[in-house]
Amino acid sequence: MTPFISVIQAAERAGVTRATVNAWLRRGILRGERIGYTWIVQADDLERAAGTVKPRRPRLGNMKKSAQ
């Protein structure tokens, strides 16, 4: 059996934000269990889920335009 990790640990391992891991849980991309107010996930499930999600390209809309 693989160890359980917290959402914060899962985000650090996957290189994403906590909000992203929570979104994966809501959408069913990542399975987890709730213990009180804390969600935990299996490390193996995190690897599977992170491999199925296509990374988005960075947003460029907030970049300042250079002065001309």
N, C-alpha and C. Protein backbone atom coordinates (compact mmCIF):
# COMPACT_ATOMS: atom_id res chain seq x y z
N MET A 1 0.85 -1.18 0.00
CA MET A 1 0.00 0.00 0.00
C MET A 1 0.89 1.24 0.00
N THR A 2 0.54 2.18 -0.83
CA THR A 2 1.33 3.40 -0.94
C THR A 2 0.94 4.39 0.16
N PRO A 3 1.88 5.25 0.52
CA PRO A 3 1.57 6.21 1.59
C PRO A 3 0.60 7.28 1.13
N PHE A 4 -0.13 7.81 2.09
CA PHE A 4 -1.02 8.93 1.84
C PHE A 4 -0.25 10.22 2.06
N ILE A 5 -0.57 11.23 1.27
CA ILE A 5 0.05 12.54 1.43
C ILE A 5 -1.04 13.60 1.44
N SER A 6 -0.73 14.75 2.01
CA SER A 6 -1.70 15.84 2.08
C SER A 6 -1.80 16.56 0.74
N VAL A 7 -2.79 17.41 0.61
CA VAL A 7 -2.97 18.20 -0.61
C VAL A 7 -1.76 19.12 -0.82
N ILE A 8 -1.24 19.68 0.26
CA ILE A 8 -0.07 20.56 0.14
C ILE A 8 1.13 19.78 -0.37
N GLN A 9 1.36 18.60 0.17
CA GLN A 9 2.47 17.77 -0.28
C GLN A 9 2.26 17.33 -1.73
N ALA A 10 1.02 17.02 -2.09
CA ALA A 10 0.71 16.62 -3.46
C ALA A 10 1.00 17.76 -4.43
N ALA A 11 0.64 18.97 -4.05
CA ALA A 11 0.90 20.13 -4.91
C ALA A 11 2.39 20.34 -5.10
N GLU A 12 3.16 20.20 -4.04
CA GLU A 12 4.61 20.36 -4.14
C GLU A 12 5.22 19.30 -5.04
N ARG A 13 4.77 18.06 -4.90
CA ARG A 13 5.31 16.97 -5.73
C ARG A 13 4.95 17.13 -7.20
N ALA A 14 3.73 17.61 -7.48
CA ALA A 14 3.28 17.74 -8.86
C ALA A 14 3.72 19.06 -9.49
N GLY A 15 4.20 20.00 -8.67
CA GLY A 15 4.63 21.28 -9.19
C GLY A 15 3.47 22.18 -9.58
N VAL A 16 2.36 22.05 -8.85
CA VAL A 16 1.17 22.85 -9.11
C VAL A 16 0.74 23.50 -7.80
N THR A 17 -0.30 24.30 -7.87
CA THR A 17 -0.81 24.95 -6.66
C THR A 17 -1.77 24.02 -5.92
N ARG A 18 -2.02 24.39 -4.67
CA ARG A 18 -3.01 23.66 -3.87
C ARG A 18 -4.38 23.71 -4.52
N ALA A 19 -4.71 24.86 -5.10
CA ALA A 19 -6.01 25.02 -5.76
C ALA A 19 -6.15 24.04 -6.93
N THR A 20 -5.06 23.79 -7.63
CA THR A 20 -5.10 22.84 -8.74
C THR A 20 -5.38 21.43 -8.24
N VAL A 21 -4.73 21.04 -7.17
CA VAL A 21 -4.97 19.69 -6.60
C VAL A 21 -6.41 19.59 -6.13
N ASN A 22 -6.92 20.64 -5.49
CA ASN A 22 -8.33 20.62 -5.06
C ASN A 22 -9.27 20.53 -6.26
N ALA A 23 -8.94 21.20 -7.35
CA ALA A 23 -9.76 21.11 -8.57
C ALA A 23 -9.72 19.70 -9.13
N TRP A 24 -8.56 19.06 -9.11
CA TRP A 24 -8.46 17.67 -9.57
C TRP A 24 -9.35 16.76 -8.72
N LEU A 25 -9.40 17.01 -7.41
CA LEU A 25 -10.26 16.22 -6.53
C LEU A 25 -11.73 16.43 -6.88
N ARG A 26 -12.14 17.69 -7.08
CA ARG A 26 -13.54 17.99 -7.42
C ARG A 26 -13.95 17.38 -8.75
N ARG A 27 -13.06 17.43 -9.73
CA ARG A 27 -13.38 16.92 -11.07
C ARG A 27 -13.25 15.40 -11.19
N GLY A 28 -12.69 14.76 -10.17
CA GLY A 28 -12.54 13.31 -10.22
C GLY A 28 -11.27 12.87 -10.93
N ILE A 29 -10.39 13.80 -11.27
CA ILE A 29 -9.11 13.45 -11.90
C ILE A 29 -8.22 12.75 -10.88
N LEU A 30 -8.32 13.18 -9.64
CA LEU A 30 -7.54 12.62 -8.55
C LEU A 30 -8.50 12.12 -7.47
N ARG A 31 -8.27 10.91 -7.00
CA ARG A 31 -9.09 10.36 -5.93
C ARG A 31 -8.45 10.69 -4.60
N GLY A 32 -9.27 10.98 -3.61
CA GLY A 32 -8.76 11.28 -2.29
C GLY A 32 -9.77 10.90 -1.23
N GLU A 33 -9.32 10.99 0.00
CA GLU A 33 -10.20 10.72 1.14
C GLU A 33 -10.15 11.92 2.06
N ARG A 34 -11.27 12.19 2.66
CA ARG A 34 -11.36 13.32 3.58
C ARG A 34 -11.34 12.81 5.01
N ILE A 35 -10.44 13.36 5.78
CA ILE A 35 -10.35 13.04 7.20
C ILE A 35 -10.55 14.36 7.94
N GLY A 36 -11.72 14.53 8.51
CA GLY A 36 -12.05 15.82 9.12
C GLY A 36 -12.14 16.88 8.04
N TYR A 37 -11.31 17.90 8.16
CA TYR A 37 -11.27 18.97 7.17
C TYR A 37 -10.12 18.81 6.19
N THR A 38 -9.37 17.72 6.32
CA THR A 38 -8.17 17.52 5.52
C THR A 38 -8.38 16.45 4.46
N TRP A 39 -7.96 16.74 3.24
CA TRP A 39 -7.99 15.76 2.17
C TRP A 39 -6.61 15.10 2.09
N ILE A 40 -6.60 13.80 1.85
CA ILE A 40 -5.35 13.08 1.61
C ILE A 40 -5.50 12.29 0.33
N VAL A 41 -4.38 12.07 -0.34
CA VAL A 41 -4.37 11.32 -1.59
C VAL A 41 -3.23 10.31 -1.54
N GLN A 42 -3.35 9.26 -2.32
CA GLN A 42 -2.27 8.28 -2.41
C GLN A 42 -1.24 8.80 -3.40
N ALA A 43 0.02 8.61 -3.06
CA ALA A 43 1.11 9.11 -3.91
C ALA A 43 1.03 8.53 -5.32
N ASP A 44 0.68 7.25 -5.45
CA ASP A 44 0.57 6.62 -6.77
C ASP A 44 -0.54 7.26 -7.60
N ASP A 45 -1.65 7.58 -6.96
CA ASP A 45 -2.75 8.22 -7.68
C ASP A 45 -2.35 9.61 -8.16
N LEU A 46 -1.53 10.29 -7.39
CA LEU A 46 -1.06 11.62 -7.79
C LEU A 46 -0.23 11.51 -9.06
N GLU A 47 0.66 10.56 -9.12
CA GLU A 47 1.50 10.38 -10.32
C GLU A 47 0.63 10.10 -11.55
N ARG A 48 -0.39 9.27 -11.38
CA ARG A 48 -1.29 8.95 -12.49
C ARG A 48 -2.06 10.18 -12.93
N ALA A 49 -2.61 10.93 -11.96
CA ALA A 49 -3.41 12.10 -12.28
C ALA A 49 -2.58 13.19 -12.93
N ALA A 50 -1.38 13.43 -12.40
CA ALA A 50 -0.52 14.48 -12.95
C ALA A 50 -0.10 14.15 -14.39
N GLY A 51 -0.01 12.87 -14.71
CA GLY A 51 0.38 12.47 -16.05
C GLY A 51 -0.74 12.60 -17.07
N THR A 52 -1.99 12.70 -16.62
CA THR A 52 -3.11 12.77 -17.54
C THR A 52 -3.52 14.20 -17.87
N VAL A 53 -2.99 15.17 -17.12
CA VAL A 53 -3.40 16.56 -17.31
C VAL A 53 -2.41 17.26 -18.22
N LYS A 54 -2.94 17.93 -19.23
CA LYS A 54 -2.10 18.65 -20.17
C LYS A 54 -1.80 20.03 -19.59
N PRO A 55 -0.51 20.41 -19.48
CA PRO A 55 -0.20 21.72 -18.94
C PRO A 55 -0.67 22.84 -19.86
N ARG A 56 -1.12 23.92 -19.26
CA ARG A 56 -1.56 25.07 -20.04
C ARG A 56 -0.36 25.96 -20.36
N ARG A 57 -0.53 26.73 -21.40
CA ARG A 57 0.54 27.67 -21.71
C ARG A 57 0.39 28.87 -20.78
N PRO A 58 1.50 29.54 -20.46
CA PRO A 58 1.40 30.68 -19.55
C PRO A 58 0.59 31.82 -20.13
N ARG A 59 -0.10 32.52 -19.27
CA ARG A 59 -0.88 33.68 -19.71
C ARG A 59 0.07 34.85 -19.93
N LEU A 60 -0.14 35.54 -21.03
CA LEU A 60 0.72 36.67 -21.36
C LEU A 60 -0.01 37.99 -21.24
N GLY A 61 -1.26 37.98 -20.90
CA GLY A 61 -2.07 39.19 -20.86
C GLY A 61 -1.67 40.17 -19.77
N ASN A 62 -1.02 39.70 -18.72
CA ASN A 62 -0.66 40.59 -17.62
C ASN A 62 0.71 41.22 -17.78
N MET A 63 1.40 40.90 -18.84
CA MET A 63 2.74 41.45 -19.03
C MET A 63 2.61 42.92 -19.46
N LYS A 64 3.48 43.75 -18.93
CA LYS A 64 3.48 45.16 -19.31
C LYS A 64 4.08 45.32 -20.70
N LYS A 65 3.48 46.17 -21.47
CA LYS A 65 4.03 46.46 -22.79
C LYS A 65 5.23 47.38 -22.64
N SER A 66 6.23 47.13 -23.46
CA SER A 66 7.42 47.96 -23.37
C SER A 66 7.12 49.36 -23.93
N ALA A 67 7.74 50.36 -23.34
CA ALA A 67 7.53 51.75 -23.78
C ALA A 67 8.18 51.95 -25.14
N GLN A 68 7.47 52.58 -26.02
CA GLN A 68 8.02 52.78 -27.36
C GLN A 68 8.31 54.19 -27.63
